[in-house]
Amino acid sequence: MGAIQTEIETLLAEAFAPSRLDVINDSAKHHGHAGDDGSGESHFTVVIESAAFTGVSRLQRQRKVIAALGDIVGERVHAVAIKASAPGE
Protein backbone atom coordinates (compact mmCIF):
# COMPACT_ATOMS: atom_id res chain seq x y z
CA MET A 1 0.00 0.00 0.00
CA GLY A 2 1.37 3.38 -1.01
CA ALA A 3 1.60 6.59 0.96
CA ILE A 4 -1.30 8.31 -0.81
CA GLN A 5 -3.59 5.30 -0.39
CA THR A 6 -2.77 5.22 3.31
CA GLU A 7 -3.44 8.96 3.60
CA ILE A 8 -6.81 8.58 1.84
CA GLU A 9 -7.82 5.81 4.25
CA THR A 10 -6.75 7.83 7.29
CA LEU A 11 -8.52 11.02 6.22
CA LEU A 12 -11.79 9.22 5.43
CA ALA A 13 -11.71 7.14 8.61
CA GLU A 14 -11.26 10.30 10.69
CA ALA A 15 -13.90 12.31 8.82
CA PHE A 16 -16.68 9.71 8.59
CA ALA A 17 -16.07 6.85 11.07
CA PRO A 18 -17.18 4.46 8.32
CA SER A 19 -18.65 1.03 8.90
CA ARG A 20 -17.01 0.04 5.59
CA LEU A 21 -14.05 1.60 3.84
CA ASP A 22 -12.24 0.18 0.83
CA VAL A 23 -9.65 2.25 -0.98
CA ILE A 24 -8.69 0.45 -4.17
CA ASN A 25 -5.66 1.48 -6.20
CA ASP A 26 -6.77 1.33 -9.85
CA SER A 27 -3.60 2.95 -11.23
CA ALA A 28 -2.35 -0.16 -13.04
CA LYS A 29 -5.56 -0.20 -15.11
CA HIS A 30 -4.72 3.30 -16.38
CA HIS A 31 -1.06 2.77 -17.25
CA GLY A 32 -0.24 4.87 -20.31
CA HIS A 33 -3.54 6.76 -20.19
CA ALA A 34 -4.16 10.42 -19.37
CA GLY A 35 -3.30 11.21 -15.79
CA ASP A 36 -0.90 8.30 -15.32
CA ASP A 37 2.09 10.04 -13.77
CA GLY A 38 4.09 6.85 -13.31
CA SER A 39 3.83 7.02 -9.51
CA GLY A 40 1.56 3.99 -9.26
CA GLU A 41 -0.88 6.12 -7.24
CA SER A 42 -2.82 8.14 -9.81
CA HIS A 43 -6.28 6.51 -9.85
CA PHE A 44 -8.37 5.19 -6.94
CA THR A 45 -11.84 3.87 -6.18
CA VAL A 46 -13.28 4.63 -2.75
CA VAL A 47 -16.12 2.48 -1.41
CA ILE A 48 -17.37 3.99 1.84
CA GLU A 49 -20.39 3.33 4.04
CA SER A 50 -21.11 5.73 6.88
CA ALA A 51 -24.03 6.93 8.96
CA ALA A 52 -22.83 10.43 8.02
CA PHE A 53 -24.40 9.84 4.59
CA THR A 54 -27.90 9.08 5.87
CA GLY A 55 -30.40 11.39 4.18
CA VAL A 56 -27.67 12.98 2.05
CA SER A 57 -27.90 13.08 -1.76
CA ARG A 58 -25.39 11.23 -3.93
CA LEU A 59 -23.87 14.52 -5.09
CA GLN A 60 -23.51 15.84 -1.53
CA ARG A 61 -21.89 12.56 -0.44
CA GLN A 62 -19.30 12.89 -3.18
CA ARG A 63 -18.67 16.52 -2.29
CA LYS A 64 -18.16 15.58 1.37
CA VAL A 65 -15.66 12.87 0.47
CA ILE A 66 -13.75 15.17 -1.89
CA ALA A 67 -13.67 17.91 0.77
CA ALA A 68 -12.32 15.44 3.34
CA LEU A 69 -9.50 14.50 0.95
CA GLY A 70 -8.27 18.09 0.69
CA ASP A 71 -5.63 18.59 -2.01
CA ILE A 72 -5.38 14.92 -2.95
CA VAL A 73 -8.08 14.93 -5.64
CA GLY A 74 -7.02 16.83 -8.74
CA GLU A 75 -3.62 17.84 -7.41
CA ARG A 76 -1.85 14.71 -6.23
CA VAL A 77 -4.19 12.10 -7.72
CA HIS A 78 -5.68 12.26 -11.19
CA ALA A 79 -8.99 10.53 -10.43
CA VAL A 80 -11.03 9.13 -7.54
CA ALA A 81 -14.23 7.19 -8.18
CA ILE A 82 -16.52 7.41 -5.15
CA LYS A 83 -19.20 4.94 -4.11
CA ALA A 84 -20.65 6.36 -0.91
CA SER A 85 -23.64 4.90 0.94
CA ALA A 86 -25.40 4.96 4.27
CA PRO A 87 -25.82 1.75 6.30
CA GLY A 88 -28.63 -0.42 4.98
CA GLU A 89 -28.59 0.97 1.46
PDB file of N, CA and C in Angstrom:
ATOM      1  N   MET A   1       0.856  -1.174   0.000  1.00  0.00           N
ATOM      2  CA  MET A   1       0.000   0.000   0.000  1.00  0.00           C
ATOM      3  C   MET A   1       0.899   1.234   0.000  1.00  0.00           C
ATOM      4  N   GLY A   2       0.570   2.174  -0.879  1.00  0.00           N
ATOM      5  CA  GLY A   2       1.375   3.378  -1.006  1.00  0.00           C
ATOM      6  C   GLY A   2       0.982   4.456  -0.011  1.00  0.00           C
ATOM      7  N   ALA A   3       1.798   5.495   0.015  1.00  0.00           N
ATOM      8  CA  ALA A   3       1.596   6.593   0.964  1.00  0.00           C
ATOM      9  C   ALA A   3       0.283   7.336   0.728  1.00  0.00           C
ATOM     10  N   ILE A   4      -0.065   7.577  -0.529  1.00  0.00           N
ATOM     11  CA  ILE A   4      -1.304   8.311  -0.809  1.00  0.00           C
ATOM     12  C   ILE A   4      -2.516   7.457  -0.441  1.00  0.00           C
ATOM     13  N   GLN A   5      -2.480   6.185  -0.754  1.00  0.00           N
ATOM     14  CA  GLN A   5      -3.590   5.296  -0.394  1.00  0.00           C
ATOM     15  C   GLN A   5      -3.781   5.276   1.118  1.00  0.00           C
ATOM     16  N   THR A   6      -2.701   5.196   1.852  1.00  0.00           N
ATOM     17  CA  THR A   6      -2.767   5.222   3.315  1.00  0.00           C
ATOM     18  C   THR A   6      -3.349   6.543   3.810  1.00  0.00           C
ATOM     19  N   GLU A   7      -2.924   7.643   3.204  1.00  0.00           N
ATOM     20  CA  GLU A   7      -3.436   8.955   3.598  1.00  0.00           C
ATOM     21  C   GLU A   7      -4.940   9.071   3.319  1.00  0.00           C
ATOM     22  N   ILE A   8      -5.382   8.563   2.172  1.00  0.00           N
ATOM     23  CA  ILE A   8      -6.811   8.581   1.840  1.00  0.00           C
ATOM     24  C   ILE A   8      -7.593   7.818   2.897  1.00  0.00           C
ATOM     25  N   GLU A   9      -7.137   6.622   3.235  1.00  0.00           N
ATOM     26  CA  GLU A   9      -7.824   5.808   4.249  1.00  0.00           C
ATOM     27  C   GLU A   9      -7.890   6.532   5.590  1.00  0.00           C
ATOM     28  N   THR A  10      -6.801   7.129   6.006  1.00  0.00           N
ATOM     29  CA  THR A  10      -6.752   7.827   7.292  1.00  0.00           C
ATOM     30  C   THR A  10      -7.703   9.012   7.322  1.00  0.00           C
ATOM     31  N   LEU A  11      -7.658   9.835   6.279  1.00  0.00           N
ATOM     32  CA  LEU A  11      -8.521  11.022   6.223  1.00  0.00           C
ATOM     33  C   LEU A  11     -10.003  10.645   6.251  1.00  0.00           C
ATOM     34  N   LEU A  12     -10.376   9.625   5.484  1.00  0.00           N
ATOM     35  CA  LEU A  12     -11.789   9.225   5.427  1.00  0.00           C
ATOM     36  C   LEU A  12     -12.242   8.554   6.722  1.00  0.00           C
ATOM     37  N   ALA A  13     -11.372   7.779   7.333  1.00  0.00           N
ATOM     38  CA  ALA A  13     -11.711   7.142   8.611  1.00  0.00           C
ATOM     39  C   ALA A  13     -11.951   8.199   9.680  1.00  0.00           C
ATOM     40  N   GLU A  14     -11.118   9.222   9.695  1.00  0.00           N
ATOM     41  CA  GLU A  14     -11.258  10.296  10.686  1.00  0.00           C
ATOM     42  C   GLU A  14     -12.493  11.153  10.421  1.00  0.00           C
ATOM     43  N   ALA A  15     -12.797  11.412   9.168  1.00  0.00           N
ATOM     44  CA  ALA A  15     -13.903  12.306   8.818  1.00  0.00           C
ATOM     45  C   ALA A  15     -15.275  11.650   8.953  1.00  0.00           C
ATOM     46  N   PHE A  16     -15.366  10.339   8.687  1.00  0.00           N
ATOM     47  CA  PHE A  16     -16.684   9.709   8.588  1.00  0.00           C
ATOM     48  C   PHE A  16     -16.919   8.513   9.508  1.00  0.00           C
ATOM     49  N   ALA A  17     -15.931   8.047  10.234  1.00  0.00           N
ATOM     50  CA  ALA A  17     -16.068   6.852  11.071  1.00  0.00           C
ATOM     51  C   ALA A  17     -16.873   5.781  10.328  1.00  0.00           C
ATOM     52  N   PRO A  18     -16.391   5.366   9.154  1.00  0.00           N
ATOM     53  CA  PRO A  18     -17.175   4.464   8.315  1.00  0.00           C
ATOM     54  C   PRO A  18     -17.321   3.052   8.880  1.00  0.00           C
ATOM     55  N   SER A  19     -18.453   2.435   8.556  1.00  0.00           N
ATOM     56  CA  SER A  19     -18.647   1.028   8.895  1.00  0.00           C
ATOM     57  C   SER A  19     -18.011   0.144   7.821  1.00  0.00           C
ATOM     58  N   ARG A  20     -17.748   0.723   6.665  1.00  0.00           N
ATOM     59  CA  ARG A  20     -17.011   0.037   5.593  1.00  0.00           C
ATOM     60  C   ARG A  20     -16.166   1.079   4.876  1.00  0.00           C
ATOM     61  N   LEU A  21     -14.927   0.719   4.601  1.00  0.00           N
ATOM     62  CA  LEU A  21     -14.047   1.596   3.843  1.00  0.00           C
ATOM     63  C   LEU A  21     -13.075   0.736   3.047  1.00  0.00           C
ATOM     64  N   ASP A  22     -13.179   0.847   1.733  1.00  0.00           N
ATOM     65  CA  ASP A  22     -12.242   0.175   0.831  1.00  0.00           C
ATOM     66  C   ASP A  22     -11.648   1.244  -0.070  1.00  0.00           C
ATOM     67  N   VAL A  23     -10.349   1.347  -0.071  1.00  0.00           N
ATOM     68  CA  VAL A  23      -9.651   2.252  -0.979  1.00  0.00           C
ATOM     69  C   VAL A  23      -8.849   1.359  -1.917  1.00  0.00           C
ATOM     70  N   ILE A  24      -9.258   1.365  -3.174  1.00  0.00           N
ATOM     71  CA  ILE A  24      -8.693   0.452  -4.171  1.00  0.00           C
ATOM     72  C   ILE A  24      -7.824   1.251  -5.133  1.00  0.00           C
ATOM     73  N   ASN A  25      -6.584   0.831  -5.278  1.00  0.00           N
ATOM     74  CA  ASN A  25      -5.661   1.483  -6.196  1.00  0.00           C
ATOM     75  C   ASN A  25      -5.897   0.911  -7.596  1.00  0.00           C
ATOM     76  N   ASP A  26      -6.464   1.736  -8.481  1.00  0.00           N
ATOM     77  CA  ASP A  26      -6.766   1.332  -9.854  1.00  0.00           C
ATOM     78  C   ASP A  26      -5.707   1.810 -10.844  1.00  0.00           C
ATOM     79  N   SER A  27      -4.601   2.312 -10.371  1.00  0.00           N
ATOM     80  CA  SER A  27      -3.605   2.952 -11.228  1.00  0.00           C
ATOM     81  C   SER A  27      -3.086   2.034 -12.325  1.00  0.00           C
ATOM     82  N   ALA A  28      -2.887   0.764 -12.032  1.00  0.00           N
ATOM     83  CA  ALA A  28      -2.352  -0.163 -13.037  1.00  0.00           C
ATOM     84  C   ALA A  28      -3.288  -0.287 -14.238  1.00  0.00           C
ATOM     85  N   LYS A  29      -4.586  -0.122 -14.018  1.00  0.00           N
ATOM     86  CA  LYS A  29      -5.559  -0.197 -15.111  1.00  0.00           C
ATOM     87  C   LYS A  29      -5.453   0.995 -16.053  1.00  0.00           C
ATOM     88  N   HIS A  30      -4.802   2.052 -15.606  1.00  0.00           N
ATOM     89  CA  HIS A  30      -4.722   3.296 -16.376  1.00  0.00           C
ATOM     90  C   HIS A  30      -3.305   3.590 -16.881  1.00  0.00           C
ATOM     91  N   HIS A  31      -2.433   2.593 -16.803  1.00  0.00           N
ATOM     92  CA  HIS A  31      -1.055   2.774 -17.245  1.00  0.00           C
ATOM     93  C   HIS A  31      -1.042   3.235 -18.703  1.00  0.00           C
ATOM     94  N   GLY A  32      -0.355   4.340 -18.955  1.00  0.00           N
ATOM     95  CA  GLY A  32      -0.242   4.868 -20.306  1.00  0.00           C
ATOM     96  C   GLY A  32      -1.380   5.777 -20.722  1.00  0.00           C
ATOM     97  N   HIS A  33      -2.402   5.896 -19.891  1.00  0.00           N
ATOM     98  CA  HIS A  33      -3.540   6.765 -20.189  1.00  0.00           C
ATOM     99  C   HIS A  33      -3.322   8.154 -19.595  1.00  0.00           C
ATOM    100  N   ALA A  34      -4.220   9.063 -19.922  1.00  0.00           N
ATOM    101  CA  ALA A  34      -4.156  10.416 -19.371  1.00  0.00           C
ATOM    102  C   ALA A  34      -4.176  10.356 -17.847  1.00  0.00           C
ATOM    103  N   GLY A  35      -3.334  11.140 -17.241  1.00  0.00           N
ATOM    104  CA  GLY A  35      -3.303  11.214 -15.787  1.00  0.00           C
ATOM    105  C   GLY A  35      -2.370  10.219 -15.133  1.00  0.00           C
ATOM    106  N   ASP A  36      -1.845   9.260 -15.894  1.00  0.00           N
ATOM    107  CA  ASP A  36      -0.897   8.304 -15.320  1.00  0.00           C
ATOM    108  C   ASP A  36       0.453   8.997 -15.207  1.00  0.00           C
ATOM    109  N   ASP A  37       0.833   9.310 -13.991  1.00  0.00           N
ATOM    110  CA  ASP A  37       2.088  10.042 -13.772  1.00  0.00           C
ATOM    111  C   ASP A  37       3.261   9.111 -13.486  1.00  0.00           C
ATOM    112  N   GLY A  38       3.026   7.811 -13.547  1.00  0.00           N
ATOM    113  CA  GLY A  38       4.089   6.846 -13.313  1.00  0.00           C
ATOM    114  C   GLY A  38       4.349   6.547 -11.845  1.00  0.00           C
ATOM    115  N   SER A  39       3.612   7.201 -10.944  1.00  0.00           N
ATOM    116  CA  SER A  39       3.829   7.016  -9.512  1.00  0.00           C
ATOM    117  C   SER A  39       3.224   5.716  -8.988  1.00  0.00           C
ATOM    118  N   GLY A  40       2.277   5.161  -9.736  1.00  0.00           N
ATOM    119  CA  GLY A  40       1.564   3.985  -9.256  1.00  0.00           C
ATOM    120  C   GLY A  40       0.434   4.339  -8.311  1.00  0.00           C
ATOM    121  N   GLU A  41       0.206   5.650  -8.114  1.00  0.00           N
ATOM    122  CA  GLU A  41      -0.878   6.118  -7.243  1.00  0.00           C
ATOM    123  C   GLU A  41      -1.586   7.310  -7.900  1.00  0.00           C
ATOM    124  N   SER A  42      -2.169   7.057  -9.068  1.00  0.00           N
ATOM    125  CA  SER A  42      -2.825   8.135  -9.812  1.00  0.00           C
ATOM    126  C   SER A  42      -4.342   7.990  -9.889  1.00  0.00           C
ATOM    127  N   HIS A  43      -4.854   6.781  -9.716  1.00  0.00           N
ATOM    128  CA  HIS A  43      -6.284   6.510  -9.851  1.00  0.00           C
ATOM    129  C   HIS A  43      -6.742   5.590  -8.708  1.00  0.00           C
ATOM    130  N   PHE A  44      -7.846   5.979  -8.049  1.00  0.00           N
ATOM    131  CA  PHE A  44      -8.372   5.187  -6.937  1.00  0.00           C
ATOM    132  C   PHE A  44      -9.885   5.073  -7.032  1.00  0.00           C
ATOM    133  N   THR A  45     -10.408   4.013  -6.428  1.00  0.00           N
ATOM    134  CA  THR A  45     -11.842   3.868  -6.184  1.00  0.00           C
ATOM    135  C   THR A  45     -12.013   3.814  -4.676  1.00  0.00           C
ATOM    136  N   VAL A  46     -12.964   4.613  -4.169  1.00  0.00           N
ATOM    137  CA  VAL A  46     -13.282   4.625  -2.749  1.00  0.00           C
ATOM    138  C   VAL A  46     -14.694   4.075  -2.582  1.00  0.00           C
ATOM    139  N   VAL A  47     -14.822   3.030  -1.790  1.00  0.00           N
ATOM    140  CA  VAL A  47     -16.124   2.481  -1.413  1.00  0.00           C
ATOM    141  C   VAL A  47     -16.259   2.748   0.082  1.00  0.00           C
ATOM    142  N   ILE A  48     -17.234   3.577   0.439  1.00  0.00           N
ATOM    143  CA  ILE A  48     -17.369   3.991   1.836  1.00  0.00           C
ATOM    144  C   ILE A  48     -18.832   3.940   2.261  1.00  0.00           C
ATOM    145  N   GLU A  49     -19.052   3.373   3.435  1.00  0.00           N
ATOM    146  CA  GLU A  49     -20.390   3.333   4.037  1.00  0.00           C
ATOM    147  C   GLU A  49     -20.287   4.007   5.400  1.00  0.00           C
ATOM    148  N   SER A  50     -21.155   4.992   5.620  1.00  0.00           N
ATOM    149  CA  SER A  50     -21.106   5.733   6.877  1.00  0.00           C
ATOM    150  C   SER A  50     -22.484   6.280   7.217  1.00  0.00           C
ATOM    151  N   ALA A  51     -22.780   6.315   8.495  1.00  0.00           N
ATOM    152  CA  ALA A  51     -24.025   6.931   8.962  1.00  0.00           C
ATOM    153  C   ALA A  51     -24.061   8.418   8.618  1.00  0.00           C
ATOM    154  N   ALA A  52     -22.899   9.010   8.386  1.00  0.00           N
ATOM    155  CA  ALA A  52     -22.828  10.429   8.016  1.00  0.00           C
ATOM    156  C   ALA A  52     -23.514  10.708   6.684  1.00  0.00           C
ATOM    157  N   PHE A  53     -23.769   9.671   5.897  1.00  0.00           N
ATOM    158  CA  PHE A  53     -24.399   9.844   4.590  1.00  0.00           C
ATOM    159  C   PHE A  53     -25.913   9.600   4.612  1.00  0.00           C
ATOM    160  N   THR A  54     -26.462   9.304   5.755  1.00  0.00           N
ATOM    161  CA  THR A  54     -27.904   9.078   5.871  1.00  0.00           C
ATOM    162  C   THR A  54     -28.656  10.358   5.527  1.00  0.00           C
ATOM    163  N   GLY A  55     -29.597  10.241   4.581  1.00  0.00           N
ATOM    164  CA  GLY A  55     -30.403  11.386   4.176  1.00  0.00           C
ATOM    165  C   GLY A  55     -29.677  12.408   3.328  1.00  0.00           C
ATOM    166  N   VAL A  56     -28.494  12.063   2.843  1.00  0.00           N
ATOM    167  CA  VAL A  56     -27.672  12.977   2.052  1.00  0.00           C
ATOM    168  C   VAL A  56     -27.690  12.504   0.592  1.00  0.00           C
ATOM    169  N   SER A  57     -27.851  13.434  -0.337  1.00  0.00           N
ATOM    170  CA  SER A  57     -27.903  13.078  -1.758  1.00  0.00           C
ATOM    171  C   SER A  57     -26.560  12.522  -2.238  1.00  0.00           C
ATOM    172  N   ARG A  58     -26.601  11.812  -3.347  1.00  0.00           N
ATOM    173  CA  ARG A  58     -25.390  11.225  -3.931  1.00  0.00           C
ATOM    174  C   ARG A  58     -24.352  12.316  -4.210  1.00  0.00           C
ATOM    175  N   LEU A  59     -24.779  13.420  -4.776  1.00  0.00           N
ATOM    176  CA  LEU A  59     -23.869  14.518  -5.089  1.00  0.00           C
ATOM    177  C   LEU A  59     -23.234  15.091  -3.824  1.00  0.00           C
ATOM    178  N   GLN A  60     -24.030  15.299  -2.787  1.00  0.00           N
ATOM    179  CA  GLN A  60     -23.507  15.837  -1.528  1.00  0.00           C
ATOM    180  C   GLN A  60     -22.533  14.858  -0.872  1.00  0.00           C
ATOM    181  N   ARG A  61     -22.812  13.572  -0.982  1.00  0.00           N
ATOM    182  CA  ARG A  61     -21.889  12.563  -0.445  1.00  0.00           C
ATOM    183  C   ARG A  61     -20.536  12.680  -1.117  1.00  0.00           C
ATOM    184  N   GLN A  62     -20.556  12.782  -2.444  1.00  0.00           N
ATOM    185  CA  GLN A  62     -19.303  12.894  -3.185  1.00  0.00           C
ATOM    186  C   GLN A  62     -18.566  14.175  -2.816  1.00  0.00           C
ATOM    187  N   ARG A  63     -19.300  15.259  -2.676  1.00  0.00           N
ATOM    188  CA  ARG A  63     -18.670  16.523  -2.292  1.00  0.00           C
ATOM    189  C   ARG A  63     -18.034  16.434  -0.904  1.00  0.00           C
ATOM    190  N   LYS A  64     -18.704  15.745   0.013  1.00  0.00           N
ATOM    191  CA  LYS A  64     -18.165  15.582   1.365  1.00  0.00           C
ATOM    192  C   LYS A  64     -16.867  14.771   1.346  1.00  0.00           C
ATOM    193  N   VAL A  65     -16.860  13.701   0.565  1.00  0.00           N
ATOM    194  CA  VAL A  65     -15.661  12.867   0.468  1.00  0.00           C
ATOM    195  C   VAL A  65     -14.513  13.666  -0.149  1.00  0.00           C
ATOM    196  N   ILE A  66     -14.783  14.365  -1.231  1.00  0.00           N
ATOM    197  CA  ILE A  66     -13.747  15.168  -1.886  1.00  0.00           C
ATOM    198  C   ILE A  66     -13.209  16.234  -0.933  1.00  0.00           C
ATOM    199  N   ALA A  67     -14.103  16.889  -0.192  1.00  0.00           N
ATOM    200  CA  ALA A  67     -13.672  17.907   0.768  1.00  0.00           C
ATOM    201  C   ALA A  67     -12.770  17.295   1.845  1.00  0.00           C
ATOM    202  N   ALA A  68     -13.117  16.100   2.308  1.00  0.00           N
ATOM    203  CA  ALA A  68     -12.317  15.436   3.344  1.00  0.00           C
ATOM    204  C   ALA A  68     -10.923  15.079   2.838  1.00  0.00           C
ATOM    205  N   LEU A  69     -10.796  14.881   1.521  1.00  0.00           N
ATOM    206  CA  LEU A  69      -9.501  14.502   0.954  1.00  0.00           C
ATOM    207  C   LEU A  69      -8.593  15.690   0.666  1.00  0.00           C
ATOM    208  N   GLY A  70      -9.102  16.897   0.843  1.00  0.00           N
ATOM    209  CA  GLY A  70      -8.267  18.088   0.686  1.00  0.00           C
ATOM    210  C   GLY A  70      -7.641  18.205  -0.687  1.00  0.00           C
ATOM    211  N   ASP A  71      -6.317  18.363  -0.734  1.00  0.00           N
ATOM    212  CA  ASP A  71      -5.627  18.594  -2.008  1.00  0.00           C
ATOM    213  C   ASP A  71      -5.285  17.318  -2.767  1.00  0.00           C
ATOM    214  N   ILE A  72      -5.725  16.182  -2.277  1.00  0.00           N
ATOM    215  CA  ILE A  72      -5.378  14.923  -2.947  1.00  0.00           C
ATOM    216  C   ILE A  72      -6.030  14.844  -4.325  1.00  0.00           C
ATOM    217  N   VAL A  73      -7.342  15.070  -4.386  1.00  0.00           N
ATOM    218  CA  VAL A  73      -8.081  14.933  -5.643  1.00  0.00           C
ATOM    219  C   VAL A  73      -7.755  16.115  -6.552  1.00  0.00           C
ATOM    220  N   GLY A  74      -7.293  15.801  -7.747  1.00  0.00           N
ATOM    221  CA  GLY A  74      -7.021  16.833  -8.736  1.00  0.00           C
ATOM    222  C   GLY A  74      -5.637  17.441  -8.661  1.00  0.00           C
ATOM    223  N   GLU A  75      -4.979  17.305  -7.535  1.00  0.00           N
ATOM    224  CA  GLU A  75      -3.625  17.845  -7.414  1.00  0.00           C
ATOM    225  C   GLU A  75      -2.585  16.739  -7.301  1.00  0.00           C
ATOM    226  N   ARG A  76      -2.831  15.793  -6.409  1.00  0.00           N
ATOM    227  CA  ARG A  76      -1.853  14.710  -6.230  1.00  0.00           C
ATOM    228  C   ARG A  76      -2.322  13.400  -6.838  1.00  0.00           C
ATOM    229  N   VAL A  77      -3.607  13.292  -7.105  1.00  0.00           N
ATOM    230  CA  VAL A  77      -4.194  12.099  -7.716  1.00  0.00           C
ATOM    231  C   VAL A  77      -5.043  12.560  -8.892  1.00  0.00           C
ATOM    232  N   HIS A  78      -4.940  11.862  -9.997  1.00  0.00           N
ATOM    233  CA  HIS A  78      -5.685  12.260 -11.194  1.00  0.00           C
ATOM    234  C   HIS A  78      -7.182  12.010 -11.055  1.00  0.00           C
ATOM    235  N   ALA A  79      -7.564  10.856 -10.487  1.00  0.00           N
ATOM    236  CA  ALA A  79      -8.989  10.526 -10.427  1.00  0.00           C
ATOM    237  C   ALA A  79      -9.317   9.659  -9.215  1.00  0.00           C
ATOM    238  N   VAL A  80     -10.483   9.934  -8.632  1.00  0.00           N
ATOM    239  CA  VAL A  80     -11.025   9.128  -7.540  1.00  0.00           C
ATOM    240  C   VAL A  80     -12.495   8.852  -7.845  1.00  0.00           C
ATOM    241  N   ALA A  81     -12.828   7.593  -8.025  1.00  0.00           N
ATOM    242  CA  ALA A  81     -14.227   7.188  -8.179  1.00  0.00           C
ATOM    243  C   ALA A  81     -14.779   6.947  -6.776  1.00  0.00           C
ATOM    244  N   ILE A  82     -15.957   7.483  -6.500  1.00  0.00           N
ATOM    245  CA  ILE A  82     -16.524   7.411  -5.154  1.00  0.00           C
ATOM    246  C   ILE A  82     -17.849   6.681  -5.172  1.00  0.00           C
ATOM    247  N   LYS A  83     -17.953   5.671  -4.322  1.00  0.00           N
ATOM    248  CA  LYS A  83     -19.197   4.936  -4.111  1.00  0.00           C
ATOM    249  C   LYS A  83     -19.520   5.070  -2.632  1.00  0.00           C
ATOM    250  N   ALA A  84     -20.341   6.067  -2.305  1.00  0.00           N
ATOM    251  CA  ALA A  84     -20.652   6.362  -0.907  1.00  0.00           C
ATOM    252  C   ALA A  84     -22.089   5.965  -0.596  1.00  0.00           C
ATOM    253  N   SER A  85     -22.294   5.310   0.540  1.00  0.00           N
ATOM    254  CA  SER A  85     -23.639   4.899   0.944  1.00  0.00           C
ATOM    255  C   SER A  85     -23.805   5.007   2.443  1.00  0.00           C
ATOM    256  N   ALA A  86     -25.059   4.999   2.844  1.00  0.00           N
ATOM    257  CA  ALA A  86     -25.403   4.959   4.269  1.00  0.00           C
ATOM    258  C   ALA A  86     -25.669   3.500   4.628  1.00  0.00           C
ATOM    259  N   PRO A  87     -25.536   3.127   5.897  1.00  0.00           N
ATOM    260  CA  PRO A  87     -25.817   1.752   6.300  1.00  0.00           C
ATOM    261  C   PRO A  87     -27.229   1.325   5.881  1.00  0.00           C
ATOM    262  N   GLY A  88     -27.333   0.123   5.372  1.00  0.00           N
ATOM    263  CA  GLY A  88     -28.626  -0.422   4.981  1.00  0.00           C
ATOM    264  C   GLY A  88     -29.042  -0.110   3.555  1.00  0.00           C
ATOM    265  N   GLU A  89     -28.251   0.647   2.851  1.00  0.00           N
ATOM    266  CA  GLU A  89     -28.594   0.966   1.463  1.00  0.00           C
ATOM    267  C   GLU A  89     -28.075  -0.102   0.520  1.00  0.00           C
TER     268      GLU A  89
END
